[in-house]
């Protein structure tokens, strides 16, 4: 199975749910985020949203929450999420300080 980066970047959290990327090509995707900048007291939420049909609203298909410093286990991978219509990945700082996070979405 070939794996390729579909899109990636760096995002400074601001306490709101921020869209990292929206991909409209059909495929199966994995969100990867380096949570190394987190310190004790931080809480970060990661989400992937998909649509059931082309014109429908995107809803949460994957959700994960991480708290405190992540140590050597800093790269977090979502489950593979398939969609023929669109995939949107988001990040939210729910508690603690804002940090810049390096992220990528892999196409499987």
PDB file of N, CA and C in Angstrom:
ATOM      1  N   UNK A   1       0.849  -1.168   0.000  1.00  0.00           N
ATOM      2  CA  UNK A   1       0.000   0.000   0.000  1.00  0.00           C
ATOM      3  C   UNK A   1       0.899   1.237   0.000  1.00  0.00           C
ATOM      4  N   UNK A   2       0.685   2.102  -0.961  1.00  0.00           N
ATOM      5  CA  UNK A   2       1.446   3.344  -1.044  1.00  0.00           C
ATOM      6  C   UNK A   2       0.867   4.377  -0.085  1.00  0.00           C
ATOM      7  N   UNK A   3       1.753   5.112   0.552  1.00  0.00           N
ATOM      8  CA  UNK A   3       1.350   6.186   1.453  1.00  0.00           C
ATOM      9  C   UNK A   3       1.991   7.475   0.957  1.00  0.00           C
ATOM     10  N   UNK A   4       1.219   8.554   0.895  1.00  0.00           N
ATOM     11  CA  UNK A   4       1.739   9.841   0.444  1.00  0.00           C
ATOM     12  C   UNK A   4       1.130  10.950   1.290  1.00  0.00           C
ATOM     13  N   UNK A   5       1.909  11.996   1.496  1.00  0.00           N
ATOM     14  CA  UNK A   5       1.357  13.152   2.196  1.00  0.00           C
ATOM     15  C   UNK A   5       0.417  13.885   1.253  1.00  0.00           C
ATOM     16  N   UNK A   6      -0.811  14.073   1.695  1.00  0.00           N
ATOM     17  CA  UNK A   6      -1.783  14.818   0.908  1.00  0.00           C
ATOM     18  C   UNK A   6      -1.612  16.318   1.132  1.00  0.00           C
ATOM     19  N   UNK A   7      -1.413  16.692   2.393  1.00  0.00           N
ATOM     20  CA  UNK A   7      -1.214  18.090   2.768  1.00  0.00           C
ATOM     21  C   UNK A   7      -0.642  18.114   4.177  1.00  0.00           C
ATOM     22  N   UNK A   8       0.056  19.182   4.522  1.00  0.00           N
ATOM     23  CA  UNK A   8       0.602  19.310   5.867  1.00  0.00           C
ATOM     24  C   UNK A   8       0.934  20.757   6.166  1.00  0.00           C
ATOM     25  N   UNK A   9       1.266  21.013   7.427  1.00  0.00           N
ATOM     26  CA  UNK A   9       1.612  22.373   7.805  1.00  0.00           C
ATOM     27  C   UNK A   9       1.860  22.495   9.290  1.00  0.00           C
ATOM     28  N   UNK A  10       1.866  23.735   9.744  1.00  0.00           N
ATOM     29  CA  UNK A  10       2.035  24.078  11.154  1.00  0.00           C
ATOM     30  C   UNK A  10       0.885  24.989  11.540  1.00  0.00           C
ATOM     31  N   UNK A  11       0.283  24.726  12.695  1.00  0.00           N
ATOM     32  CA  UNK A  11      -0.848  25.536  13.147  1.00  0.00           C
ATOM     33  C   UNK A  11      -0.650  25.946  14.599  1.00  0.00           C
ATOM     34  N   UNK A  12      -0.796  27.247  14.860  1.00  0.00           N
ATOM     35  CA  UNK A  12      -0.777  27.784  16.221  1.00  0.00           C
ATOM     36  C   UNK A  12      -2.199  27.750  16.743  1.00  0.00           C
ATOM     37  N   UNK A  13      -2.432  26.990  17.819  1.00  0.00           N
ATOM     38  CA  UNK A  13      -3.779  26.912  18.380  1.00  0.00           C
ATOM     39  C   UNK A  13      -4.184  28.251  18.984  1.00  0.00           C
ATOM     40  N   UNK A  14      -5.517  28.459  19.076  1.00  0.00           N
ATOM     41  CA  UNK A  14      -6.014  29.717  19.638  1.00  0.00           C
ATOM     42  C   UNK A  14      -7.220  29.520  20.557  1.00  0.00           C
ATOM     43  N   UNK A  15      -7.505  28.253  20.925  1.00  0.00           N
ATOM     44  CA  UNK A  15      -8.631  27.981  21.815  1.00  0.00           C
ATOM     45  C   UNK A  15      -9.936  27.697  21.104  1.00  0.00           C
ATOM     46  N   UNK A  16      -9.972  27.871  19.775  1.00  0.00           N
ATOM     47  CA  UNK A  16     -11.156  27.536  18.996  1.00  0.00           C
ATOM     48  C   UNK A  16     -10.871  26.280  18.176  1.00  0.00           C
ATOM     49  N   UNK A  17     -11.911  25.675  17.641  1.00  0.00           N
ATOM     50  CA  UNK A  17     -11.702  24.553  16.733  1.00  0.00           C
ATOM     51  C   UNK A  17     -11.231  25.122  15.396  1.00  0.00           C
ATOM     52  N   UNK A  18     -10.020  24.762  15.005  1.00  0.00           N
ATOM     53  CA  UNK A  18      -9.406  25.292  13.791  1.00  0.00           C
ATOM     54  C   UNK A  18      -9.302  24.188  12.738  1.00  0.00           C
ATOM     55  N   UNK A  19      -9.701  24.511  11.531  1.00  0.00           N
ATOM     56  CA  UNK A  19      -9.590  23.545  10.441  1.00  0.00           C
ATOM     57  C   UNK A  19      -8.156  23.503   9.943  1.00  0.00           C
ATOM     58  N   UNK A  20      -7.571  22.309   9.972  1.00  0.00           N
ATOM     59  CA  UNK A  20      -6.223  22.130   9.446  1.00  0.00           C
ATOM     60  C   UNK A  20      -6.267  22.025   7.929  1.00  0.00           C
ATOM     61  N   UNK A  21      -7.203  21.234   7.419  1.00  0.00           N
ATOM     62  CA  UNK A  21      -7.353  21.067   5.975  1.00  0.00           C
ATOM     63  C   UNK A  21      -8.682  20.403   5.670  1.00  0.00           C
ATOM     64  N   UNK A  22      -9.185  20.675   4.476  1.00  0.00           N
ATOM     65  CA  UNK A  22     -10.346  19.970   3.936  1.00  0.00           C
ATOM     66  C   UNK A  22      -9.926  19.397   2.595  1.00  0.00           C
ATOM     67  N   UNK A  23     -10.092  18.093   2.447  1.00  0.00           N
ATOM     68  CA  UNK A  23      -9.711  17.401   1.214  1.00  0.00           C
ATOM     69  C   UNK A  23     -10.986  16.902   0.550  1.00  0.00           C
ATOM     70  N   UNK A  24     -11.166  17.241  -0.718  1.00  0.00           N
ATOM     71  CA  UNK A  24     -12.392  16.860  -1.416  1.00  0.00           C
ATOM     72  C   UNK A  24     -12.180  15.699  -2.384  1.00  0.00           C
ATOM     73  N   UNK A  25     -10.987  15.153  -2.449  1.00  0.00           N
ATOM     74  CA  UNK A  25     -10.729  13.989  -3.296  1.00  0.00           C
ATOM     75  C   UNK A  25     -11.097  12.717  -2.539  1.00  0.00           C
ATOM     76  N   UNK A  26     -11.694  11.777  -3.232  1.00  0.00           N
ATOM     77  CA  UNK A  26     -12.044  10.502  -2.612  1.00  0.00           C
ATOM     78  C   UNK A  26     -10.774   9.784  -2.167  1.00  0.00           C
ATOM     79  N   UNK A  27     -10.854   9.142  -1.003  1.00  0.00           N
ATOM     80  CA  UNK A  27      -9.700   8.397  -0.527  1.00  0.00           C
ATOM     81  C   UNK A  27      -9.849   7.980   0.917  1.00  0.00           C
ATOM     82  N   UNK A  28      -8.789   7.386   1.423  1.00  0.00           N
ATOM     83  CA  UNK A  28      -8.701   7.015   2.832  1.00  0.00           C
ATOM     84  C   UNK A  28      -7.536   7.793   3.415  1.00  0.00           C
ATOM     85  N   UNK A  29      -7.787   8.492   4.527  1.00  0.00           N
ATOM     86  CA  UNK A  29      -6.817   9.437   5.062  1.00  0.00           C
ATOM     87  C   UNK A  29      -6.512   9.171   6.533  1.00  0.00           C
ATOM     88  N   UNK A  30      -5.296   9.549   6.929  1.00  0.00           N
ATOM     89  CA  UNK A  30      -4.856   9.449   8.321  1.00  0.00           C
ATOM     90  C   UNK A  30      -4.304  10.812   8.722  1.00  0.00           C
ATOM     91  N   UNK A  31      -4.792  11.340   9.830  1.00  0.00           N
ATOM     92  CA  UNK A  31      -4.272  12.588  10.395  1.00  0.00           C
ATOM     93  C   UNK A  31      -3.123  12.246  11.334  1.00  0.00           C
ATOM     94  N   UNK A  32      -1.999  12.943  11.173  1.00  0.00           N
ATOM     95  CA  UNK A  32      -0.837  12.763  12.044  1.00  0.00           C
ATOM     96  C   UNK A  32      -0.476  14.130  12.620  1.00  0.00           C
ATOM     97  N   UNK A  33      -0.364  14.215  13.952  1.00  0.00           N
ATOM     98  CA  UNK A  33      -0.021  15.475  14.610  1.00  0.00           C
ATOM     99  C   UNK A  33       1.096  15.222  15.612  1.00  0.00           C
ATOM    100  N   UNK A  34       2.118  16.071  15.563  1.00  0.00           N
ATOM    101  CA  UNK A  34       3.213  16.021  16.537  1.00  0.00           C
ATOM    102  C   UNK A  34       2.787  16.868  17.736  1.00  0.00           C
ATOM    103  N   UNK A  35       2.447  16.198  18.842  1.00  0.00           N
ATOM    104  CA  UNK A  35       2.001  16.898  20.048  1.00  0.00           C
ATOM    105  C   UNK A  35       3.150  17.141  21.025  1.00  0.00           C
ATOM    106  N   UNK A  36       4.366  17.112  20.529  1.00  0.00           N
ATOM    107  CA  UNK A  36       5.537  17.354  21.364  1.00  0.00           C
ATOM    108  C   UNK A  36       5.542  18.678  22.120  1.00  0.00           C
ATOM    109  N   UNK A  37       4.960  19.745  21.563  1.00  0.00           N
ATOM    110  CA  UNK A  37       4.951  21.015  22.292  1.00  0.00           C
ATOM    111  C   UNK A  37       4.076  21.036  23.549  1.00  0.00           C
ATOM    112  N   UNK A  38       3.210  20.034  23.737  1.00  0.00           N
ATOM    113  CA  UNK A  38       2.321  20.041  24.894  1.00  0.00           C
ATOM    114  C   UNK A  38       3.102  19.951  26.207  1.00  0.00           C
ATOM    115  N   UNK A  39       2.582  20.642  27.227  1.00  0.00           N
ATOM    116  CA  UNK A  39       3.150  20.582  28.576  1.00  0.00           C
ATOM    117  C   UNK A  39       2.032  20.187  29.544  1.00  0.00           C
ATOM    118  N   UNK A  40       2.392  19.858  30.753  1.00  0.00           N
ATOM    119  CA  UNK A  40       1.377  19.492  31.750  1.00  0.00           C
ATOM    120  C   UNK A  40       0.362  20.624  31.893  1.00  0.00           C
ATOM    121  N   UNK A  41      -0.910  20.251  31.876  1.00  0.00           N
ATOM    122  CA  UNK A  41      -1.999  21.225  31.943  1.00  0.00           C
ATOM    123  C   UNK A  41      -2.646  21.487  30.591  1.00  0.00           C
ATOM    124  N   UNK A  42      -1.974  21.102  29.496  1.00  0.00           N
ATOM    125  CA  UNK A  42      -2.538  21.281  28.155  1.00  0.00           C
ATOM    126  C   UNK A  42      -3.509  20.153  27.831  1.00  0.00           C
ATOM    127  N   UNK A  43      -4.558  20.483  27.079  1.00  0.00           N
ATOM    128  CA  UNK A  43      -5.486  19.493  26.535  1.00  0.00           C
ATOM    129  C   UNK A  43      -5.744  19.878  25.077  1.00  0.00           C
ATOM    130  N   UNK A  44      -5.572  18.909  24.176  1.00  0.00           N
ATOM    131  CA  UNK A  44      -5.771  19.138  22.744  1.00  0.00           C
ATOM    132  C   UNK A  44      -6.752  18.095  22.211  1.00  0.00           C
ATOM    133  N   UNK A  45      -7.695  18.572  21.390  1.00  0.00           N
ATOM    134  CA  UNK A  45      -8.669  17.694  20.741  1.00  0.00           C
ATOM    135  C   UNK A  45      -8.379  17.646  19.243  1.00  0.00           C
ATOM    136  N   UNK A  46      -8.403  16.441  18.675  1.00  0.00           N
ATOM    137  CA  UNK A  46      -8.237  16.240  17.239  1.00  0.00           C
ATOM    138  C   UNK A  46      -9.514  15.617  16.686  1.00  0.00           C
ATOM    139  N   UNK A  47      -9.950  16.103  15.524  1.00  0.00           N
ATOM    140  CA  UNK A  47     -11.167  15.569  14.898  1.00  0.00           C
ATOM    141  C   UNK A  47     -10.955  15.395  13.398  1.00  0.00           C
ATOM    142  N   UNK A  48     -11.691  14.414  12.852  1.00  0.00           N
ATOM    143  CA  UNK A  48     -11.840  14.276  11.406  1.00  0.00           C
ATOM    144  C   UNK A  48     -13.338  14.226  11.139  1.00  0.00           C
ATOM    145  N   UNK A  49     -13.775  15.025  10.175  1.00  0.00           N
ATOM    146  CA  UNK A  49     -15.193  15.087   9.820  1.00  0.00           C
ATOM    147  C   UNK A  49     -15.368  14.646   8.370  1.00  0.00           C
ATOM    148  N   UNK A  50     -16.463  13.921   8.113  1.00  0.00           N
ATOM    149  CA  UNK A  50     -16.760  13.448   6.763  1.00  0.00           C
ATOM    150  C   UNK A  50     -18.218  13.716   6.421  1.00  0.00           C
ATOM    151  N   UNK A  51     -18.505  13.593   5.126  1.00  0.00           N
ATOM    152  CA  UNK A  51     -19.878  13.715   4.629  1.00  0.00           C
ATOM    153  C   UNK A  51     -20.378  12.351   4.189  1.00  0.00           C
ATOM    154  N   UNK A  52     -21.670  12.115   4.373  1.00  0.00           N
ATOM    155  CA  UNK A  52     -22.288  10.870   3.907  1.00  0.00           C
ATOM    156  C   UNK A  52     -22.607  10.965   2.412  1.00  0.00           C
ATOM    157  N   UNK A  53     -23.003  12.159   1.973  1.00  0.00           N
ATOM    158  CA  UNK A  53     -23.316  12.410   0.572  1.00  0.00           C
ATOM    159  C   UNK A  53     -22.656  13.723   0.161  1.00  0.00           C
ATOM    160  N   UNK A  54     -22.585  13.976  -1.126  1.00  0.00           N
ATOM    161  CA  UNK A  54     -21.912  15.174  -1.633  1.00  0.00           C
ATOM    162  C   UNK A  54     -22.442  16.457  -1.001  1.00  0.00           C
ATOM    163  N   UNK A  55     -23.752  16.635  -0.968  1.00  0.00           N
ATOM    164  CA  UNK A  55     -24.336  17.871  -0.471  1.00  0.00           C
ATOM    165  C   UNK A  55     -24.644  17.891   1.016  1.00  0.00           C
ATOM    166  N   UNK A  56     -24.276  16.836   1.730  1.00  0.00           N
ATOM    167  CA  UNK A  56     -24.628  16.775   3.150  1.00  0.00           C
ATOM    168  C   UNK A  56     -23.634  17.560   4.010  1.00  0.00           C
ATOM    169  N   UNK A  57     -23.960  17.702   5.264  1.00  0.00           N
ATOM    170  CA  UNK A  57     -23.103  18.387   6.226  1.00  0.00           C
ATOM    171  C   UNK A  57     -22.045  17.429   6.747  1.00  0.00           C
ATOM    172  N   UNK A  58     -20.832  17.942   6.961  1.00  0.00           N
ATOM    173  CA  UNK A  58     -19.754  17.118   7.510  1.00  0.00           C
ATOM    174  C   UNK A  58     -19.945  16.955   9.015  1.00  0.00           C
ATOM    175  N   UNK A  59     -19.848  15.719   9.472  1.00  0.00           N
ATOM    176  CA  UNK A  59     -19.968  15.406  10.899  1.00  0.00           C
ATOM    177  C   UNK A  59     -18.756  14.603  11.357  1.00  0.00           C
ATOM    178  N   UNK A  60     -18.568  14.584  12.653  1.00  0.00           N
ATOM    179  CA  UNK A  60     -17.413  13.929  13.266  1.00  0.00           C
ATOM    180  C   UNK A  60     -17.397  12.429  12.994  1.00  0.00           C
ATOM    181  N   UNK A  61     -16.278  11.959  12.441  1.00  0.00           N
ATOM    182  CA  UNK A  61     -16.074  10.532  12.204  1.00  0.00           C
ATOM    183  C   UNK A  61     -14.972   9.981  13.109  1.00  0.00           C
ATOM    184  N   UNK A  62     -14.133  10.881  13.617  1.00  0.00           N
ATOM    185  CA  UNK A  62     -13.024  10.487  14.498  1.00  0.00           C
ATOM    186  C   UNK A  62     -12.809  11.606  15.504  1.00  0.00           C
ATOM    187  N   UNK A  63     -12.533  11.228  16.762  1.00  0.00           N
ATOM    188  CA  UNK A  63     -12.267  12.199  17.821  1.00  0.00           C
ATOM    189  C   UNK A  63     -11.255  11.600  18.779  1.00  0.00           C
ATOM    190  N   UNK A  64     -10.280  12.394  19.148  1.00  0.00           N
ATOM    191  CA  UNK A  64      -9.306  11.978  20.163  1.00  0.00           C
ATOM    192  C   UNK A  64      -8.942  13.190  21.000  1.00  0.00           C
ATOM    193  N   UNK A  65      -8.706  12.961  22.288  1.00  0.00           N
ATOM    194  CA  UNK A  65      -8.293  14.031  23.189  1.00  0.00           C
ATOM    195  C   UNK A  65      -7.017  13.591  23.900  1.00  0.00           C
ATOM    196  N   UNK A  66      -6.063  14.516  23.996  1.00  0.00           N
ATOM    197  CA  UNK A  66      -4.773  14.242  24.637  1.00  0.00           C
ATOM    198  C   UNK A  66      -4.518  15.309  25.692  1.00  0.00           C
ATOM    199  N   UNK A  67      -3.950  14.882  26.823  1.00  0.00           N
ATOM    200  CA  UNK A  67      -3.693  15.803  27.927  1.00  0.00           C
ATOM    201  C   UNK A  67      -2.247  15.674  28.394  1.00  0.00           C
ATOM    202  N   UNK A  68      -1.691  16.814  28.798  1.00  0.00           N
ATOM    203  CA  UNK A  68      -0.373  16.895  29.432  1.00  0.00           C
ATOM    204  C   UNK A  68       0.767  16.618  28.446  1.00  0.00           C
ATOM    205  N   UNK A  69       1.990  16.688  28.937  1.00  0.00           N
ATOM    206  CA  UNK A  69       3.178  16.454  28.115  1.00  0.00           C
ATOM    207  C   UNK A  69       3.136  15.048  27.538  1.00  0.00           C
ATOM    208  N   UNK A  70       3.543  14.901  26.281  1.00  0.00           N
ATOM    209  CA  UNK A  70       3.428  13.619  25.591  1.00  0.00           C
ATOM    210  C   UNK A  70       4.727  12.807  25.584  1.00  0.00           C
ATOM    211  N   UNK A  71       5.835  13.377  26.043  1.00  0.00           N
ATOM    212  CA  UNK A  71       7.091  12.628  26.124  1.00  0.00           C
ATOM    213  C   UNK A  71       7.557  12.132  24.766  1.00  0.00           C
ATOM    214  N   UNK A  72       8.096  10.919  24.731  1.00  0.00           N
ATOM    215  CA  UNK A  72       8.620  10.356  23.481  1.00  0.00           C
ATOM    216  C   UNK A  72       7.527   9.822  22.565  1.00  0.00           C
ATOM    217  N   UNK A  73       6.305   9.671  23.081  1.00  0.00           N
ATOM    218  CA  UNK A  73       5.174   9.195  22.285  1.00  0.00           C
ATOM    219  C   UNK A  73       4.399  10.395  21.760  1.00  0.00           C
ATOM    220  N   UNK A  74       5.064  11.258  21.000  1.00  0.00           N
ATOM    221  CA  UNK A  74       4.492  12.545  20.631  1.00  0.00           C
ATOM    222  C   UNK A  74       3.729  12.560  19.317  1.00  0.00           C
ATOM    223  N   UNK A  75       4.052  11.676  18.378  1.00  0.00           N
ATOM    224  CA  UNK A  75       3.341  11.633  17.096  1.00  0.00           C
ATOM    225  C   UNK A  75       2.061  10.832  17.262  1.00  0.00           C
ATOM    226  N   UNK A  76       0.925  11.483  17.024  1.00  0.00           N
ATOM    227  CA  UNK A  76      -0.388  10.837  17.199  1.00  0.00           C
ATOM    228  C   UNK A  76      -1.017  10.607  15.829  1.00  0.00           C
ATOM    229  N   UNK A  77      -1.475   9.360  15.606  1.00  0.00           N
ATOM    230  CA  UNK A  77      -2.074   8.948  14.339  1.00  0.00           C
ATOM    231  C   UNK A  77      -3.551   8.647  14.549  1.00  0.00           C
ATOM    232  N   UNK A  78      -4.398   9.181  13.664  1.00  0.00           N
ATOM    233  CA  UNK A  78      -5.808   8.810  13.700  1.00  0.00           C
ATOM    234  C   UNK A  78      -5.963   7.430  13.079  1.00  0.00           C
ATOM    235  N   UNK A  79      -7.132   6.874  13.237  1.00  0.00           N
ATOM    236  CA  UNK A  79      -7.472   5.673  12.485  1.00  0.00           C
ATOM    237  C   UNK A  79      -7.624   6.079  11.016  1.00  0.00           C
ATOM    238  N   UNK A  80      -7.495   5.160  10.067  1.00  0.00           N
ATOM    239  CA  UNK A  80      -7.776   5.498   8.666  1.00  0.00           C
ATOM    240  C   UNK A  80      -9.260   5.823   8.492  1.00  0.00           C
ATOM    241  N   UNK A  81      -9.548   6.930   7.827  1.00  0.00           N
ATOM    242  CA  UNK A  81     -10.935   7.364   7.624  1.00  0.00           C
ATOM    243  C   UNK A  81     -11.200   7.442   6.117  1.00  0.00           C
ATOM    244  N   UNK A  82     -12.092   6.573   5.606  1.00  0.00           N
ATOM    245  CA  UNK A  82     -12.416   6.612   4.180  1.00  0.00           C
ATOM    246  C   UNK A  82     -13.566   7.572   3.901  1.00  0.00           C
ATOM    247  N   UNK A  83     -13.511   8.201   2.729  1.00  0.00           N
ATOM    248  CA  UNK A  83     -14.635   9.036   2.299  1.00  0.00           C
ATOM    249  C   UNK A  83     -14.572   9.252   0.795  1.00  0.00           C
ATOM    250  N   UNK A  84     -15.698   9.067   0.107  1.00  0.00           N
ATOM    251  CA  UNK A  84     -15.731   9.361  -1.320  1.00  0.00           C
ATOM    252  C   UNK A  84     -15.987  10.838  -1.614  1.00  0.00           C
ATOM    253  N   UNK A  85     -16.269  11.646  -0.559  1.00  0.00           N
ATOM    254  CA  UNK A  85     -16.669  13.028  -0.796  1.00  0.00           C
ATOM    255  C   UNK A  85     -15.721  14.063  -0.205  1.00  0.00           C
ATOM    256  N   UNK A  86     -15.490  14.030   1.097  1.00  0.00           N
ATOM    257  CA  UNK A  86     -14.583  15.008   1.697  1.00  0.00           C
ATOM    258  C   UNK A  86     -14.178  14.567   3.088  1.00  0.00           C
ATOM    259  N   UNK A  87     -13.002  15.047   3.483  1.00  0.00           N
ATOM    260  CA  UNK A  87     -12.468  14.819   4.823  1.00  0.00           C
ATOM    261  C   UNK A  87     -11.953  16.164   5.323  1.00  0.00           C
ATOM    262  N   UNK A  88     -12.353  16.545   6.529  1.00  0.00           N
ATOM    263  CA  UNK A  88     -11.854  17.781   7.147  1.00  0.00           C
ATOM    264  C   UNK A  88     -11.226  17.423   8.489  1.00  0.00           C
ATOM    265  N   UNK A  89     -10.020  17.909   8.731  1.00  0.00           N
ATOM    266  CA  UNK A  89      -9.314  17.659   9.988  1.00  0.00           C
ATOM    267  C   UNK A  89      -9.245  18.947  10.789  1.00  0.00           C
ATOM    268  N   UNK A  90      -9.476  18.832  12.113  1.00  0.00           N
ATOM    269  CA  UNK A  90      -9.437  20.015  12.974  1.00  0.00           C
ATOM    270  C   UNK A  90      -8.603  19.751  14.225  1.00  0.00           C
ATOM    271  N   UNK A  91      -8.188  20.851  14.844  1.00  0.00           N
ATOM    272  CA  UNK A  91      -7.467  20.802  16.120  1.00  0.00           C
ATOM    273  C   UNK A  91      -8.071  21.871  17.025  1.00  0.00           C
ATOM    274  N   UNK A  92      -8.107  21.582  18.322  1.00  0.00           N
ATOM    275  CA  UNK A  92      -8.605  22.563  19.289  1.00  0.00           C
ATOM    276  C   UNK A  92      -7.810  22.449  20.578  1.00  0.00           C
ATOM    277  N   UNK A  93      -7.323  23.584  21.066  1.00  0.00           N
ATOM    278  CA  UNK A  93      -6.706  23.628  22.386  1.00  0.00           C
ATOM    279  C   UNK A  93      -7.844  23.835  23.376  1.00  0.00           C
ATOM    280  N   UNK A  94      -8.130  22.820  24.180  1.00  0.00           N
ATOM    281  CA  UNK A  94      -9.252  22.879  25.114  1.00  0.00           C
ATOM    282  C   UNK A  94      -8.843  23.404  26.480  1.00  0.00           C
ATOM    283  N   UNK A  95      -7.566  23.299  26.810  1.00  0.00           N
ATOM    284  CA  UNK A  95      -7.057  23.815  28.090  1.00  0.00           C
ATOM    285  C   UNK A  95      -5.557  24.033  27.960  1.00  0.00           C
ATOM    286  N   UNK A  96      -5.046  24.894  28.827  1.00  0.00           N
ATOM    287  CA  UNK A  96      -3.612  25.142  28.834  1.00  0.00           C
ATOM    288  C   UNK A  96      -3.209  26.263  27.892  1.00  0.00           C
ATOM    289  N   UNK A  97      -1.970  26.189  27.431  1.00  0.00           N
ATOM    290  CA  UNK A  97      -1.387  27.248  26.600  1.00  0.00           C
ATOM    291  C   UNK A  97      -1.481  26.899  25.120  1.00  0.00           C
ATOM    292  N   UNK A  98      -1.455  27.935  24.290  1.00  0.00           N
ATOM    293  CA  UNK A  98      -1.420  27.732  22.846  1.00  0.00           C
ATOM    294  C   UNK A  98      -0.003  27.385  22.414  1.00  0.00           C
ATOM    295  N   UNK A  99       0.104  26.479  21.451  1.00  0.00           N
ATOM    296  CA  UNK A  99       1.385  26.060  20.891  1.00  0.00           C
ATOM    297  C   UNK A  99       1.220  25.901  19.383  1.00  0.00           C
ATOM    298  N   UNK A 100       2.339  25.858  18.674  1.00  0.00           N
ATOM    299  CA  UNK A 100       2.345  25.551  17.248  1.00  0.00           C
ATOM    300  C   UNK A 100       2.573  24.058  17.082  1.00  0.00           C
ATOM    301  N   UNK A 101       1.668  23.416  16.342  1.00  0.00           N
ATOM    302  CA  UNK A 101       1.734  21.975  16.117  1.00  0.00           C
ATOM    303  C   UNK A 101       1.995  21.673  14.650  1.00  0.00           C
ATOM    304  N   UNK A 102       2.920  20.757  14.404  1.00  0.00           N
ATOM    305  CA  UNK A 102       3.240  20.259  13.080  1.00  0.00           C
ATOM    306  C   UNK A 102       2.272  19.122  12.775  1.00  0.00           C
ATOM    307  N   UNK A 103       1.637  19.125  11.601  1.00  0.00           N
ATOM    308  CA  UNK A 103       0.649  18.111  11.273  1.00  0.00           C
ATOM    309  C   UNK A 103       0.739  17.730   9.801  1.00  0.00           C
ATOM    310  N   UNK A 104       0.155  16.594   9.488  1.00  0.00           N
ATOM    311  CA  UNK A 104       0.105  16.109   8.124  1.00  0.00           C
ATOM    312  C   UNK A 104      -1.121  15.226   7.950  1.00  0.00           C
ATOM    313  N   UNK A 105      -1.628  15.161   6.734  1.00  0.00           N
ATOM    314  CA  UNK A 105      -2.681  14.204   6.399  1.00  0.00           C
ATOM    315  C   UNK A 105      -2.119  13.293   5.322  1.00  0.00           C
ATOM    316  N   UNK A 106      -2.070  11.993   5.645  1.00  0.00           N
ATOM    317  CA  UNK A 106      -1.539  10.990   4.725  1.00  0.00           C
ATOM    318  C   UNK A 106      -2.687  10.367   3.943  1.00  0.00           C
ATOM    319  N   UNK A 107      -2.470  10.196   2.661  1.00  0.00           N
ATOM    320  CA  UNK A 107      -3.411   9.467   1.813  1.00  0.00           C
ATOM    321  C   UNK A 107      -2.921   8.034   1.680  1.00  0.00           C
ATOM    322  N   UNK A 108      -3.808   7.085   1.953  1.00  0.00           N
ATOM    323  CA  UNK A 108      -3.449   5.670   1.855  1.00  0.00           C
ATOM    324  C   UNK A 108      -3.868   5.113   0.511  1.00  0.00           C
TER     325      UNK A 108
END
